[in-house]
Amino acid sequence: MAIQVNMHEAKSQLSALVEKVLAGEQVTIARAGSPVVDLVMHRESGPVIGMLRGEFSYDAEEFDAADAEITAQFYGEHA
């Protein structure tokens, strides 16, 4: 069941509203009767950029050779 509360009520009953969200209810906070935000349960975010830094290595010569080959193919030059 979805409920909508005004900003003042949300301020004074935040703990109760959080419990409702944790129980599966949808809570919308409104200002002057217009919905402004939805109160939602926190979910862990996905992987962080740079999280695997240092976990992989590459051969620079092999990388440079592949780069030259791809560049030649891109510009239509034949190696």
PDB file of N, CA and C in Angstrom:
ATOM      1  N   MET A   1       0.842  -1.179   0.000  1.00  0.00           N
ATOM      2  CA  MET A   1       0.000   0.000   0.000  1.00  0.00           C
ATOM      3  C   MET A   1       0.890   1.245   0.000  1.00  0.00           C
ATOM      4  N   ALA A   2       0.584   2.194  -0.869  1.00  0.00           N
ATOM      5  CA  ALA A   2       1.362   3.423  -0.955  1.00  0.00           C
ATOM      6  C   ALA A   2       0.749   4.493  -0.057  1.00  0.00           C
ATOM      7  N   ILE A   3       1.614   5.209   0.641  1.00  0.00           N
ATOM      8  CA  ILE A   3       1.125   6.316   1.468  1.00  0.00           C
ATOM      9  C   ILE A   3       1.889   7.582   1.108  1.00  0.00           C
ATOM     10  N   GLN A   4       1.222   8.710   1.266  1.00  0.00           N
ATOM     11  CA  GLN A   4       1.856   9.998   1.021  1.00  0.00           C
ATOM     12  C   GLN A   4       1.721  10.830   2.289  1.00  0.00           C
ATOM     13  N   VAL A   5       2.828  11.430   2.712  1.00  0.00           N
ATOM     14  CA  VAL A   5       2.824  12.272   3.905  1.00  0.00           C
ATOM     15  C   VAL A   5       3.418  13.624   3.547  1.00  0.00           C
ATOM     16  N   ASN A   6       3.009  14.643   4.278  1.00  0.00           N
ATOM     17  CA  ASN A   6       3.582  15.960   4.015  1.00  0.00           C
ATOM     18  C   ASN A   6       4.933  16.077   4.725  1.00  0.00           C
ATOM     19  N   MET A   7       5.671  17.090   4.366  1.00  0.00           N
ATOM     20  CA  MET A   7       7.032  17.262   4.869  1.00  0.00           C
ATOM     21  C   MET A   7       7.064  17.336   6.398  1.00  0.00           C
ATOM     22  N   HIS A   8       6.145  18.087   6.997  1.00  0.00           N
ATOM     23  CA  HIS A   8       6.120  18.223   8.458  1.00  0.00           C
ATOM     24  C   HIS A   8       5.892  16.870   9.122  1.00  0.00           C
ATOM     25  N   GLU A   9       4.937  16.101   8.605  1.00  0.00           N
ATOM     26  CA  GLU A   9       4.670  14.773   9.168  1.00  0.00           C
ATOM     27  C   GLU A   9       5.885  13.858   9.004  1.00  0.00           C
ATOM     28  N   ALA A  10       6.550  13.949   7.861  1.00  0.00           N
ATOM     29  CA  ALA A  10       7.739  13.124   7.620  1.00  0.00           C
ATOM     30  C   ALA A  10       8.834  13.444   8.625  1.00  0.00           C
ATOM     31  N   LYS A  11       9.012  14.732   8.938  1.00  0.00           N
ATOM     32  CA  LYS A  11      10.028  15.130   9.915  1.00  0.00           C
ATOM     33  C   LYS A  11       9.725  14.562  11.294  1.00  0.00           C
ATOM     34  N   SER A  12       8.467  14.621  11.686  1.00  0.00           N
ATOM     35  CA  SER A  12       8.123  14.195  13.038  1.00  0.00           C
ATOM     36  C   SER A  12       7.939  12.688  13.176  1.00  0.00           C
ATOM     37  N   GLN A  13       7.747  11.965  12.062  1.00  0.00           N
ATOM     38  CA  GLN A  13       7.506  10.525  12.131  1.00  0.00           C
ATOM     39  C   GLN A  13       8.473   9.724  11.275  1.00  0.00           C
ATOM     40  N   LEU A  14       9.688  10.208  11.137  1.00  0.00           N
ATOM     41  CA  LEU A  14      10.653   9.555  10.246  1.00  0.00           C
ATOM     42  C   LEU A  14      10.891   8.098  10.618  1.00  0.00           C
ATOM     43  N   SER A  15      11.080   7.809  11.888  1.00  0.00           N
ATOM     44  CA  SER A  15      11.351   6.419  12.298  1.00  0.00           C
ATOM     45  C   SER A  15      10.212   5.494  11.900  1.00  0.00           C
ATOM     46  N   ALA A  16       8.989   5.918  12.106  1.00  0.00           N
ATOM     47  CA  ALA A  16       7.827   5.099  11.751  1.00  0.00           C
ATOM     48  C   ALA A  16       7.734   4.911  10.240  1.00  0.00           C
ATOM     49  N   LEU A  17       8.058   5.953   9.484  1.00  0.00           N
ATOM     50  CA  LEU A  17       8.019   5.854   8.025  1.00  0.00           C
ATOM     51  C   LEU A  17       9.095   4.897   7.507  1.00  0.00           C
ATOM     52  N   VAL A  18      10.260   4.940   8.123  1.00  0.00           N
ATOM     53  CA  VAL A  18      11.333   4.013   7.738  1.00  0.00           C
ATOM     54  C   VAL A  18      10.885   2.582   7.993  1.00  0.00           C
ATOM     55  N   GLU A  19      10.246   2.333   9.103  1.00  0.00           N
ATOM     56  CA  GLU A  19       9.745   0.986   9.401  1.00  0.00           C
ATOM     57  C   GLU A  19       8.731   0.534   8.360  1.00  0.00           C
ATOM     58  N   LYS A  20       7.896   1.436   7.899  1.00  0.00           N
ATOM     59  CA  LYS A  20       6.917   1.090   6.860  1.00  0.00           C
ATOM     60  C   LYS A  20       7.620   0.699   5.563  1.00  0.00           C
ATOM     61  N   VAL A  21       8.654   1.456   5.206  1.00  0.00           N
ATOM     62  CA  VAL A  21       9.415   1.131   3.991  1.00  0.00           C
ATOM     63  C   VAL A  21      10.073  -0.234   4.142  1.00  0.00           C
ATOM     64  N   LEU A  22      10.662  -0.502   5.300  1.00  0.00           N
ATOM     65  CA  LEU A  22      11.307  -1.795   5.534  1.00  0.00           C
ATOM     66  C   LEU A  22      10.301  -2.941   5.490  1.00  0.00           C
ATOM     67  N   ALA A  23       9.034  -2.645   5.783  1.00  0.00           N
ATOM     68  CA  ALA A  23       7.975  -3.650   5.735  1.00  0.00           C
ATOM     69  C   ALA A  23       7.408  -3.806   4.324  1.00  0.00           C
ATOM     70  N   GLY A  24       7.923  -3.025   3.376  1.00  0.00           N
ATOM     71  CA  GLY A  24       7.514  -3.183   1.987  1.00  0.00           C
ATOM     72  C   GLY A  24       6.545  -2.136   1.473  1.00  0.00           C
ATOM     73  N   GLU A  25       6.181  -1.163   2.286  1.00  0.00           N
ATOM     74  CA  GLU A  25       5.261  -0.128   1.834  1.00  0.00           C
ATOM     75  C   GLU A  25       6.009   0.951   1.058  1.00  0.00           C
ATOM     76  N   GLN A  26       5.295   1.625   0.173  1.00  0.00           N
ATOM     77  CA  GLN A  26       5.860   2.737  -0.581  1.00  0.00           C
ATOM     78  C   GLN A  26       5.475   4.025   0.134  1.00  0.00           C
ATOM     79  N   VAL A  27       6.456   4.850   0.441  1.00  0.00           N
ATOM     80  CA  VAL A  27       6.214   6.109   1.146  1.00  0.00           C
ATOM     81  C   VAL A  27       6.693   7.260   0.260  1.00  0.00           C
ATOM     82  N   THR A  28       5.788   8.204   0.014  1.00  0.00           N
ATOM     83  CA  THR A  28       6.116   9.394  -0.757  1.00  0.00           C
ATOM     84  C   THR A  28       5.978  10.607   0.153  1.00  0.00           C
ATOM     85  N   ILE A  29       6.969  11.474   0.100  1.00  0.00           N
ATOM     86  CA  ILE A  29       6.935  12.707   0.889  1.00  0.00           C
ATOM     87  C   ILE A  29       6.548  13.841  -0.056  1.00  0.00           C
ATOM     88  N   ALA A  30       5.563  14.630   0.384  1.00  0.00           N
ATOM     89  CA  ALA A  30       5.030  15.700  -0.462  1.00  0.00           C
ATOM     90  C   ALA A  30       5.260  17.060   0.173  1.00  0.00           C
ATOM     91  N   ARG A  31       5.261  18.074  -0.669  1.00  0.00           N
ATOM     92  CA  ARG A  31       5.333  19.462  -0.218  1.00  0.00           C
ATOM     93  C   ARG A  31       4.134  20.180  -0.835  1.00  0.00           C
ATOM     94  N   ALA A  32       3.288  20.725   0.005  1.00  0.00           N
ATOM     95  CA  ALA A  32       2.061  21.408  -0.436  1.00  0.00           C
ATOM     96  C   ALA A  32       1.196  20.485  -1.289  1.00  0.00           C
ATOM     97  N   GLY A  33       1.176  19.204  -0.932  1.00  0.00           N
ATOM     98  CA  GLY A  33       0.329  18.241  -1.626  1.00  0.00           C
ATOM     99  C   GLY A  33       0.921  17.656  -2.885  1.00  0.00           C
ATOM    100  N   SER A  34       2.082  18.135  -3.323  1.00  0.00           N
ATOM    101  CA  SER A  34       2.738  17.619  -4.530  1.00  0.00           C
ATOM    102  C   SER A  34       3.872  16.686  -4.140  1.00  0.00           C
ATOM    103  N   PRO A  35       3.887  15.459  -4.682  1.00  0.00           N
ATOM    104  CA  PRO A  35       4.968  14.520  -4.366  1.00  0.00           C
ATOM    105  C   PRO A  35       6.330  15.105  -4.705  1.00  0.00           C
ATOM    106  N   VAL A  36       7.277  14.942  -3.778  1.00  0.00           N
ATOM    107  CA  VAL A  36       8.623  15.479  -3.983  1.00  0.00           C
ATOM    108  C   VAL A  36       9.645  14.350  -4.056  1.00  0.00           C
ATOM    109  N   VAL A  37       9.618  13.451  -3.066  1.00  0.00           N
ATOM    110  CA  VAL A  37      10.580  12.348  -3.035  1.00  0.00           C
ATOM    111  C   VAL A  37       9.891  11.077  -2.560  1.00  0.00           C
ATOM    112  N   ASP A  38      10.489   9.949  -2.939  1.00  0.00           N
ATOM    113  CA  ASP A  38      10.062   8.650  -2.431  1.00  0.00           C
ATOM    114  C   ASP A  38      11.093   8.172  -1.422  1.00  0.00           C
ATOM    115  N   LEU A  39      10.613   7.628  -0.329  1.00  0.00           N
ATOM    116  CA  LEU A  39      11.492   7.057   0.685  1.00  0.00           C
ATOM    117  C   LEU A  39      11.689   5.595   0.290  1.00  0.00           C
ATOM    118  N   VAL A  40      12.929   5.212   0.016  1.00  0.00           N
ATOM    119  CA  VAL A  40      13.212   3.851  -0.456  1.00  0.00           C
ATOM    120  C   VAL A  40      14.281   3.198   0.402  1.00  0.00           C
ATOM    121  N   MET A  41      14.283   1.874   0.393  1.00  0.00           N
ATOM    122  CA  MET A  41      15.266   1.111   1.136  1.00  0.00           C
ATOM    123  C   MET A  41      16.630   1.226   0.443  1.00  0.00           C
ATOM    124  N   HIS A  42      17.681   1.341   1.208  1.00  0.00           N
ATOM    125  CA  HIS A  42      19.044   1.433   0.668  1.00  0.00           C
ATOM    126  C   HIS A  42      19.455   0.097   0.065  1.00  0.00           C
ATOM    127  N   ARG A  43      20.090   0.164  -1.091  1.00  0.00           N
ATOM    128  CA  ARG A  43      20.648  -1.034  -1.736  1.00  0.00           C
ATOM    129  C   ARG A  43      22.125  -0.766  -1.980  1.00  0.00           C
ATOM    130  N   GLU A  44      22.947  -1.766  -1.756  1.00  0.00           N
ATOM    131  CA  GLU A  44      24.385  -1.611  -1.991  1.00  0.00           C
ATOM    132  C   GLU A  44      24.623  -1.323  -3.462  1.00  0.00           C
ATOM    133  N   SER A  45      25.568  -0.458  -3.738  1.00  0.00           N
ATOM    134  CA  SER A  45      25.880  -0.114  -5.119  1.00  0.00           C
ATOM    135  C   SER A  45      26.759  -1.187  -5.738  1.00  0.00           C
ATOM    136  N   GLY A  46      26.924  -1.097  -7.036  1.00  0.00           N
ATOM    137  CA  GLY A  46      27.735  -2.052  -7.774  1.00  0.00           C
ATOM    138  C   GLY A  46      29.215  -1.812  -7.552  1.00  0.00           C
ATOM    139  N   PRO A  47      30.023  -2.403  -8.398  1.00  0.00           N
ATOM    140  CA  PRO A  47      31.475  -2.273  -8.251  1.00  0.00           C
ATOM    141  C   PRO A  47      31.940  -0.829  -8.383  1.00  0.00           C
ATOM    142  N   VAL A  48      33.004  -0.521  -7.702  1.00  0.00           N
ATOM    143  CA  VAL A  48      33.584   0.812  -7.727  1.00  0.00           C
ATOM    144  C   VAL A  48      34.681   0.845  -8.779  1.00  0.00           C
ATOM    145  N   ILE A  49      34.712   1.910  -9.568  1.00  0.00           N
ATOM    146  CA  ILE A  49      35.750   2.038 -10.591  1.00  0.00           C
ATOM    147  C   ILE A  49      37.108   2.058  -9.907  1.00  0.00           C
ATOM    148  N   GLY A  50      38.023   1.269 -10.402  1.00  0.00           N
ATOM    149  CA  GLY A  50      39.350   1.177  -9.820  1.00  0.00           C
ATOM    150  C   GLY A  50      39.458   0.088  -8.774  1.00  0.00           C
ATOM    151  N   MET A  51      38.354  -0.597  -8.541  1.00  0.00           N
ATOM    152  CA  MET A  51      38.306  -1.621  -7.503  1.00  0.00           C
ATOM    153  C   MET A  51      39.313  -2.763  -7.756  1.00  0.00           C
ATOM    154  N   LEU A  52      39.568  -3.063  -9.022  1.00  0.00           N
ATOM    155  CA  LEU A  52      40.464  -4.174  -9.359  1.00  0.00           C
ATOM    156  C   LEU A  52      41.858  -3.692  -9.765  1.00  0.00           C
ATOM    157  N   ARG A  53      42.179  -2.455  -9.428  1.00  0.00           N
ATOM    158  CA  ARG A  53      43.489  -1.911  -9.780  1.00  0.00           C
ATOM    159  C   ARG A  53      44.586  -2.812  -9.214  1.00  0.00           C
ATOM    160  N   GLY A  54      45.539  -3.167 -10.060  1.00  0.00           N
ATOM    161  CA  GLY A  54      46.655  -3.999  -9.633  1.00  0.00           C
ATOM    162  C   GLY A  54      46.378  -5.489  -9.745  1.00  0.00           C
ATOM    163  N   GLU A  55      45.169  -5.868 -10.135  1.00  0.00           N
ATOM    164  CA  GLU A  55      44.804  -7.280 -10.233  1.00  0.00           C
ATOM    165  C   GLU A  55      45.181  -7.879 -11.578  1.00  0.00           C
ATOM    166  N   PHE A  56      45.417  -7.037 -12.592  1.00  0.00           N
ATOM    167  CA  PHE A  56      45.710  -7.524 -13.927  1.00  0.00           C
ATOM    168  C   PHE A  56      47.011  -6.912 -14.418  1.00  0.00           C
ATOM    169  N   SER A  57      47.663  -7.625 -15.308  1.00  0.00           N
ATOM    170  CA  SER A  57      48.878  -7.087 -15.914  1.00  0.00           C
ATOM    171  C   SER A  57      48.791  -7.322 -17.421  1.00  0.00           C
ATOM    172  N   TYR A  58      49.625  -6.629 -18.162  1.00  0.00           N
ATOM    173  CA  TYR A  58      49.654  -6.815 -19.611  1.00  0.00           C
ATOM    174  C   TYR A  58      51.076  -6.636 -20.107  1.00  0.00           C
ATOM    175  N   ASP A  59      51.326  -7.201 -21.271  1.00  0.00           N
ATOM    176  CA  ASP A  59      52.627  -7.097 -21.916  1.00  0.00           C
ATOM    177  C   ASP A  59      52.591  -5.863 -22.814  1.00  0.00           C
ATOM    178  N   ALA A  60      53.389  -4.835 -22.492  1.00  0.00           N
ATOM    179  CA  ALA A  60      53.356  -3.565 -23.220  1.00  0.00           C
ATOM    180  C   ALA A  60      53.683  -3.745 -24.696  1.00  0.00           C
ATOM    181  N   GLU A  61      54.635  -4.616 -25.024  1.00  0.00           N
ATOM    182  CA  GLU A  61      54.994  -4.819 -26.431  1.00  0.00           C
ATOM    183  C   GLU A  61      53.832  -5.431 -27.205  1.00  0.00           C
ATOM    184  N   GLU A  62      53.167  -6.405 -26.591  1.00  0.00           N
ATOM    185  CA  GLU A  62      52.013  -7.038 -27.232  1.00  0.00           C
ATOM    186  C   GLU A  62      50.878  -6.017 -27.393  1.00  0.00           C
ATOM    187  N   PHE A  63      50.695  -5.195 -26.397  1.00  0.00           N
ATOM    188  CA  PHE A  63      49.661  -4.165 -26.454  1.00  0.00           C
ATOM    189  C   PHE A  63      49.947  -3.171 -27.575  1.00  0.00           C
ATOM    190  N   ASP A  64      51.199  -2.712 -27.674  1.00  0.00           N
ATOM    191  CA  ASP A  64      51.573  -1.753 -28.714  1.00  0.00           C
ATOM    192  C   ASP A  64      51.427  -2.354 -30.106  1.00  0.00           C
ATOM    193  N   ALA A  65      51.773  -3.629 -30.267  1.00  0.00           N
ATOM    194  CA  ALA A  65      51.643  -4.295 -31.564  1.00  0.00           C
ATOM    195  C   ALA A  65      50.166  -4.383 -31.950  1.00  0.00           C
ATOM    196  N   ALA A  66      49.326  -4.732 -31.013  1.00  0.00           N
ATOM    197  CA  ALA A  66      47.892  -4.810 -31.292  1.00  0.00           C
ATOM    198  C   ALA A  66      47.357  -3.428 -31.627  1.00  0.00           C
ATOM    199  N   ASP A  67      47.834  -2.399 -30.927  1.00  0.00           N
ATOM    200  CA  ASP A  67      47.381  -1.041 -31.179  1.00  0.00           C
ATOM    201  C   ASP A  67      47.734  -0.608 -32.600  1.00  0.00           C
ATOM    202  N   ALA A  68      48.925  -0.931 -33.056  1.00  0.00           N
ATOM    203  CA  ALA A  68      49.343  -0.570 -34.407  1.00  0.00           C
ATOM    204  C   ALA A  68      48.490  -1.296 -35.439  1.00  0.00           C
ATOM    205  N   GLU A  69      48.187  -2.554 -35.182  1.00  0.00           N
ATOM    206  CA  GLU A  69      47.369  -3.345 -36.108  1.00  0.00           C
ATOM    207  C   GLU A  69      45.943  -2.776 -36.193  1.00  0.00           C
ATOM    208  N   ILE A  70      45.385  -2.447 -35.061  1.00  0.00           N
ATOM    209  CA  ILE A  70      44.026  -1.886 -35.032  1.00  0.00           C
ATOM    210  C   ILE A  70      43.998  -0.527 -35.715  1.00  0.00           C
ATOM    211  N   THR A  71      45.015   0.306 -35.468  1.00  0.00           N
ATOM    212  CA  THR A  71      45.091   1.615 -36.108  1.00  0.00           C
ATOM    213  C   THR A  71      45.160   1.465 -37.621  1.00  0.00           C
ATOM    214  N   ALA A  72      45.957   0.528 -38.095  1.00  0.00           N
ATOM    215  CA  ALA A  72      46.074   0.295 -39.539  1.00  0.00           C
ATOM    216  C   ALA A  72      44.734  -0.154 -40.120  1.00  0.00           C
ATOM    217  N   GLN A  73      44.022  -1.025 -39.421  1.00  0.00           N
ATOM    218  CA  GLN A  73      42.720  -1.484 -39.904  1.00  0.00           C
ATOM    219  C   GLN A  73      41.704  -0.338 -39.891  1.00  0.00           C
ATOM    220  N   PHE A  74      41.764   0.484 -38.900  1.00  0.00           N
ATOM    221  CA  PHE A  74      40.824   1.587 -38.772  1.00  0.00           C
ATOM    222  C   PHE A  74      40.976   2.580 -39.907  1.00  0.00           C
ATOM    223  N   TYR A  75      42.219   2.908 -40.246  1.00  0.00           N
ATOM    224  CA  TYR A  75      42.468   3.891 -41.300  1.00  0.00           C
ATOM    225  C   TYR A  75      42.578   3.272 -42.678  1.00  0.00           C
ATOM    226  N   GLY A  76      42.350   1.979 -42.792  1.00  0.00           N
ATOM    227  CA  GLY A  76      42.343   1.313 -44.079  1.00  0.00           C
ATOM    228  C   GLY A  76      43.701   0.997 -44.635  1.00  0.00           C
ATOM    229  N   GLU A  77      44.721   1.119 -43.840  1.00  0.00           N
ATOM    230  CA  GLU A  77      46.071   0.798 -44.288  1.00  0.00           C
ATOM    231  C   GLU A  77      46.315  -0.689 -44.101  1.00  0.00           C
ATOM    232  N   HIS A  78      47.057  -1.263 -45.002  1.00  0.00           N
ATOM    233  CA  HIS A  78      47.372  -2.692 -44.893  1.00  0.00           C
ATOM    234  C   HIS A  78      48.774  -2.836 -44.340  1.00  0.00           C
ATOM    235  N   ALA A  79      48.869  -3.650 -43.327  1.00  0.00           N
ATOM    236  CA  ALA A  79      50.168  -3.849 -42.675  1.00  0.00           C
ATOM    237  C   ALA A  79      51.045  -4.750 -43.497  1.00  0.00           C
TER     238      ALA A  79
END
